[in-house]
Amino acid sequence: MSRAALLERLKELQETPKFRNRDIRTISAILSNEALARHIAVCEEQAAAYGERQSA
């Protein structure tokens, strides 16, 4: 995935309820593409878990 696509996905995650009041994007400036992809994966896992807890 290109860096632009990764940053777009991170922007989408920033707007989820889990991360709405937290800054998860600034760190992207110093991360390699591989590290950025891992950061996004972790954020996606956390957002999904948060959504499941809110639904229960």
PDB file of N, CA and C in Angstrom:
ATOM      1  N   MET A   1       0.847  -1.163   0.000  1.00  0.00           N
ATOM      2  CA  MET A   1       0.000   0.000   0.000  1.00  0.00           C
ATOM      3  C   MET A   1       0.902   1.239   0.000  1.00  0.00           C
ATOM      4  N   SER A   2       0.530   2.221  -0.753  1.00  0.00           N
ATOM      5  CA  SER A   2       1.347   3.438  -0.837  1.00  0.00           C
ATOM      6  C   SER A   2       1.228   4.260   0.446  1.00  0.00           C
ATOM      7  N   ARG A   3       2.181   5.118   0.668  1.00  0.00           N
ATOM      8  CA  ARG A   3       2.154   5.972   1.865  1.00  0.00           C
ATOM      9  C   ARG A   3       0.904   6.859   1.857  1.00  0.00           C
ATOM     10  N   ALA A   4       0.537   7.352   0.702  1.00  0.00           N
ATOM     11  CA  ALA A   4      -0.663   8.191   0.610  1.00  0.00           C
ATOM     12  C   ALA A   4      -1.908   7.417   1.034  1.00  0.00           C
ATOM     13  N   ALA A   5      -2.003   6.175   0.605  1.00  0.00           N
ATOM     14  CA  ALA A   5      -3.145   5.331   0.981  1.00  0.00           C
ATOM     15  C   ALA A   5      -3.128   5.045   2.484  1.00  0.00           C
ATOM     16  N   LEU A   6      -1.950   4.805   3.024  1.00  0.00           N
ATOM     17  CA  LEU A   6      -1.828   4.564   4.461  1.00  0.00           C
ATOM     18  C   LEU A   6      -2.259   5.797   5.252  1.00  0.00           C
ATOM     19  N   LEU A   7      -1.832   6.957   4.822  1.00  0.00           N
ATOM     20  CA  LEU A   7      -2.195   8.189   5.517  1.00  0.00           C
ATOM     21  C   LEU A   7      -3.694   8.466   5.414  1.00  0.00           C
ATOM     22  N   GLU A   8      -4.281   8.128   4.286  1.00  0.00           N
ATOM     23  CA  GLU A   8      -5.734   8.290   4.123  1.00  0.00           C
ATOM     24  C   GLU A   8      -6.479   7.366   5.083  1.00  0.00           C
ATOM     25  N   ARG A   9      -6.011   6.135   5.206  1.00  0.00           N
ATOM     26  CA  ARG A   9      -6.637   5.188   6.135  1.00  0.00           C
ATOM     27  C   ARG A   9      -6.493   5.682   7.573  1.00  0.00           C
ATOM     28  N   LEU A  10      -5.338   6.217   7.908  1.00  0.00           N
ATOM     29  CA  LEU A  10      -5.124   6.750   9.242  1.00  0.00           C
ATOM     30  C   LEU A  10      -6.059   7.932   9.513  1.00  0.00           C
ATOM     31  N   LYS A  11      -6.272   8.745   8.509  1.00  0.00           N
ATOM     32  CA  LYS A  11      -7.200   9.874   8.640  1.00  0.00           C
ATOM     33  C   LYS A  11      -8.614   9.372   8.929  1.00  0.00           C
ATOM     34  N   GLU A  12      -9.019   8.300   8.249  1.00  0.00           N
ATOM     35  CA  GLU A  12     -10.335   7.710   8.488  1.00  0.00           C
ATOM     36  C   GLU A  12     -10.440   7.170   9.915  1.00  0.00           C
ATOM     37  N   LEU A  13      -9.384   6.525  10.375  1.00  0.00           N
ATOM     38  CA  LEU A  13      -9.381   5.995  11.742  1.00  0.00           C
ATOM     39  C   LEU A  13      -9.461   7.115  12.776  1.00  0.00           C
ATOM     40  N   GLN A  14      -8.826   8.239  12.503  1.00  0.00           N
ATOM     41  CA  GLN A  14      -8.845   9.375  13.424  1.00  0.00           C
ATOM     42  C   GLN A  14     -10.274   9.835  13.688  1.00  0.00           C
ATOM     43  N   GLU A  15     -11.161   9.627  12.739  1.00  0.00           N
ATOM     44  CA  GLU A  15     -12.543  10.091  12.857  1.00  0.00           C
ATOM     45  C   GLU A  15     -13.458   9.091  13.551  1.00  0.00           C
ATOM     46  N   THR A  16     -12.950   7.896  13.895  1.00  0.00           N
ATOM     47  CA  THR A  16     -13.771   6.898  14.584  1.00  0.00           C
ATOM     48  C   THR A  16     -13.963   7.319  16.040  1.00  0.00           C
ATOM     49  N   PRO A  17     -15.033   6.842  16.680  1.00  0.00           N
ATOM     50  CA  PRO A  17     -15.276   7.221  18.085  1.00  0.00           C
ATOM     51  C   PRO A  17     -14.102   6.910  19.015  1.00  0.00           C
ATOM     52  N   LYS A  18     -13.403   5.826  18.786  1.00  0.00           N
ATOM     53  CA  LYS A  18     -12.286   5.433  19.646  1.00  0.00           C
ATOM     54  C   LYS A  18     -11.176   6.489  19.651  1.00  0.00           C
ATOM     55  N   PHE A  19     -10.907   7.086  18.506  1.00  0.00           N
ATOM     56  CA  PHE A  19      -9.765   7.987  18.374  1.00  0.00           C
ATOM     57  C   PHE A  19     -10.140   9.446  18.144  1.00  0.00           C
ATOM     58  N   ARG A  20     -11.406   9.764  18.230  1.00  0.00           N
ATOM     59  CA  ARG A  20     -11.858  11.124  17.932  1.00  0.00           C
ATOM     60  C   ARG A  20     -11.149  12.177  18.776  1.00  0.00           C
ATOM     61  N   ASN A  21     -10.886  11.895  20.034  1.00  0.00           N
ATOM     62  CA  ASN A  21     -10.261  12.883  20.927  1.00  0.00           C
ATOM     63  C   ASN A  21      -8.791  12.580  21.207  1.00  0.00           C
ATOM     64  N   ARG A  22      -8.177  11.771  20.344  1.00  0.00           N
ATOM     65  CA  ARG A  22      -6.763  11.417  20.511  1.00  0.00           C
ATOM     66  C   ARG A  22      -6.026  11.690  19.203  1.00  0.00           C
ATOM     67  N   ASP A  23      -4.776  12.017  19.309  1.00  0.00           N
ATOM     68  CA  ASP A  23      -3.958  12.283  18.127  1.00  0.00           C
ATOM     69  C   ASP A  23      -3.186  11.021  17.749  1.00  0.00           C
ATOM     70  N   ILE A  24      -3.630  10.354  16.698  1.00  0.00           N
ATOM     71  CA  ILE A  24      -2.937   9.145  16.235  1.00  0.00           C
ATOM     72  C   ILE A  24      -2.200   9.407  14.923  1.00  0.00           C
ATOM     73  N   ARG A  25      -2.242  10.636  14.431  1.00  0.00           N
ATOM     74  CA  ARG A  25      -1.659  10.932  13.119  1.00  0.00           C
ATOM     75  C   ARG A  25      -0.288  11.589  13.162  1.00  0.00           C
ATOM     76  N   THR A  26       0.016  12.359  14.169  1.00  0.00           N
ATOM     77  CA  THR A  26       1.277  13.095  14.214  1.00  0.00           C
ATOM     78  C   THR A  26       2.481  12.171  14.122  1.00  0.00           C
ATOM     79  N   ILE A  27       2.410  11.025  14.769  1.00  0.00           N
ATOM     80  CA  ILE A  27       3.521  10.075  14.778  1.00  0.00           C
ATOM     81  C   ILE A  27       3.878   9.607  13.362  1.00  0.00           C
ATOM     82  N   SER A  28       2.945   9.694  12.437  1.00  0.00           N
ATOM     83  CA  SER A  28       3.186   9.213  11.073  1.00  0.00           C
ATOM     84  C   SER A  28       4.343   9.938  10.387  1.00  0.00           C
ATOM     85  N   ALA A  29       4.656  11.133  10.841  1.00  0.00           N
ATOM     86  CA  ALA A  29       5.727  11.906  10.220  1.00  0.00           C
ATOM     87  C   ALA A  29       7.092  11.246  10.366  1.00  0.00           C
ATOM     88  N   ILE A  30       7.278  10.471  11.431  1.00  0.00           N
ATOM     89  CA  ILE A  30       8.596   9.868  11.657  1.00  0.00           C
ATOM     90  C   ILE A  30       8.617   8.359  11.419  1.00  0.00           C
ATOM     91  N   LEU A  31       7.476   7.769  11.094  1.00  0.00           N
ATOM     92  CA  LEU A  31       7.418   6.324  10.888  1.00  0.00           C
ATOM     93  C   LEU A  31       7.751   5.935   9.452  1.00  0.00           C
ATOM     94  N   SER A  32       8.432   4.817   9.301  1.00  0.00           N
ATOM     95  CA  SER A  32       8.640   4.250   7.969  1.00  0.00           C
ATOM     96  C   SER A  32       7.294   3.712   7.476  1.00  0.00           C
ATOM     97  N   ASN A  33       7.216   3.376   6.201  1.00  0.00           N
ATOM     98  CA  ASN A  33       5.963   2.833   5.670  1.00  0.00           C
ATOM     99  C   ASN A  33       5.570   1.551   6.391  1.00  0.00           C
ATOM    100  N   GLU A  34       6.554   0.711   6.680  1.00  0.00           N
ATOM    101  CA  GLU A  34       6.273  -0.546   7.375  1.00  0.00           C
ATOM    102  C   GLU A  34       5.741  -0.282   8.787  1.00  0.00           C
ATOM    103  N   ALA A  35       6.370   0.623   9.495  1.00  0.00           N
ATOM    104  CA  ALA A  35       5.929   0.963  10.845  1.00  0.00           C
ATOM    105  C   ALA A  35       4.564   1.647  10.818  1.00  0.00           C
ATOM    106  N   LEU A  36       4.326   2.470   9.829  1.00  0.00           N
ATOM    107  CA  LEU A  36       3.037   3.136   9.679  1.00  0.00           C
ATOM    108  C   LEU A  36       1.936   2.110   9.436  1.00  0.00           C
ATOM    109  N   ALA A  37       2.212   1.127   8.591  1.00  0.00           N
ATOM    110  CA  ALA A  37       1.237   0.069   8.329  1.00  0.00           C
ATOM    111  C   ALA A  37       0.917  -0.695   9.614  1.00  0.00           C
ATOM    112  N   ARG A  38       1.929  -0.960  10.422  1.00  0.00           N
ATOM    113  CA  ARG A  38       1.715  -1.659  11.697  1.00  0.00           C
ATOM    114  C   ARG A  38       0.918  -0.778  12.663  1.00  0.00           C
ATOM    115  N   HIS A  39       1.219   0.499  12.714  1.00  0.00           N
ATOM    116  CA  HIS A  39       0.485   1.444  13.557  1.00  0.00           C
ATOM    117  C   HIS A  39      -0.995   1.440  13.179  1.00  0.00           C
ATOM    118  N   ILE A  40      -1.277   1.464  11.893  1.00  0.00           N
ATOM    119  CA  ILE A  40      -2.656   1.452  11.405  1.00  0.00           C
ATOM    120  C   ILE A  40      -3.336   0.140  11.775  1.00  0.00           C
ATOM    121  N   ALA A  41      -2.625  -0.976  11.631  1.00  0.00           N
ATOM    122  CA  ALA A  41      -3.197  -2.276  11.981  1.00  0.00           C
ATOM    123  C   ALA A  41      -3.592  -2.320  13.458  1.00  0.00           C
ATOM    124  N   VAL A  42      -2.722  -1.815  14.311  1.00  0.00           N
ATOM    125  CA  VAL A  42      -3.017  -1.788  15.751  1.00  0.00           C
ATOM    126  C   VAL A  42      -4.216  -0.877  16.027  1.00  0.00           C
ATOM    127  N   CYS A  43      -4.249   0.269  15.392  1.00  0.00           N
ATOM    128  CA  CYS A  43      -5.372   1.188  15.577  1.00  0.00           C
ATOM    129  C   CYS A  43      -6.678   0.574  15.088  1.00  0.00           C
ATOM    130  N   GLU A  44      -6.632  -0.141  13.975  1.00  0.00           N
ATOM    131  CA  GLU A  44      -7.828  -0.808  13.461  1.00  0.00           C
ATOM    132  C   GLU A  44      -8.324  -1.865  14.445  1.00  0.00           C
ATOM    133  N   GLU A  45      -7.401  -2.630  15.018  1.00  0.00           N
ATOM    134  CA  GLU A  45      -7.777  -3.639  16.016  1.00  0.00           C
ATOM    135  C   GLU A  45      -8.435  -2.980  17.223  1.00  0.00           C
ATOM    136  N   GLN A  46      -7.855  -1.887  17.688  1.00  0.00           N
ATOM    137  CA  GLN A  46      -8.398  -1.185  18.844  1.00  0.00           C
ATOM    138  C   GLN A  46      -9.769  -0.575  18.544  1.00  0.00           C
ATOM    139  N   ALA A  47      -9.931  -0.018  17.365  1.00  0.00           N
ATOM    140  CA  ALA A  47     -11.216   0.573  16.983  1.00  0.00           C
ATOM    141  C   ALA A  47     -12.289  -0.500  16.898  1.00  0.00           C
ATOM    142  N   ALA A  48     -11.937  -1.666  16.358  1.00  0.00           N
ATOM    143  CA  ALA A  48     -12.898  -2.765  16.257  1.00  0.00           C
ATOM    144  C   ALA A  48     -13.289  -3.263  17.647  1.00  0.00           C
ATOM    145  N   ALA A  49     -12.313  -3.417  18.528  1.00  0.00           N
ATOM    146  CA  ALA A  49     -12.590  -3.872  19.888  1.00  0.00           C
ATOM    147  C   ALA A  49     -13.457  -2.853  20.628  1.00  0.00           C
ATOM    148  N   TYR A  50     -13.199  -1.590  20.430  1.00  0.00           N
ATOM    149  CA  TYR A  50     -13.981  -0.521  21.061  1.00  0.00           C
ATOM    150  C   TYR A  50     -15.428  -0.586  20.571  1.00  0.00           C
ATOM    151  N   GLY A  51     -15.600  -0.784  19.270  1.00  0.00           N
ATOM    152  CA  GLY A  51     -16.929  -0.879  18.698  1.00  0.00           C
ATOM    153  C   GLY A  51     -17.706  -2.069  19.242  1.00  0.00           C
ATOM    154  N   GLU A  52     -17.019  -3.191  19.431  1.00  0.00           N
ATOM    155  CA  GLU A  52     -17.668  -4.376  19.994  1.00  0.00           C
ATOM    156  C   GLU A  52     -18.100  -4.136  21.428  1.00  0.00           C
ATOM    157  N   ARG A  53     -17.262  -3.456  22.202  1.00  0.00           N
ATOM    158  CA  ARG A  53     -17.612  -3.172  23.603  1.00  0.00           C
ATOM    159  C   ARG A  53     -18.798  -2.210  23.673  1.00  0.00           C
ATOM    160  N   GLN A  54     -18.855  -1.258  22.755  1.00  0.00           N
ATOM    161  CA  GLN A  54     -19.949  -0.296  22.764  1.00  0.00           C
ATOM    162  C   GLN A  54     -21.269  -0.952  22.361  1.00  0.00           C
ATOM    163  N   SER A  55     -21.197  -2.000  21.537  1.00  0.00           N
ATOM    164  CA  SER A  55     -22.395  -2.687  21.071  1.00  0.00           C
ATOM    165  C   SER A  55     -22.957  -3.631  22.127  1.00  0.00           C
ATOM    166  N   ALA A  56     -22.110  -4.088  23.014  1.00  0.00           N
ATOM    167  CA  ALA A  56     -22.539  -5.087  24.021  1.00  0.00           C
ATOM    168  C   ALA A  56     -23.352  -4.482  25.131  1.00  0.00           C
TER     169      ALA A  56
END
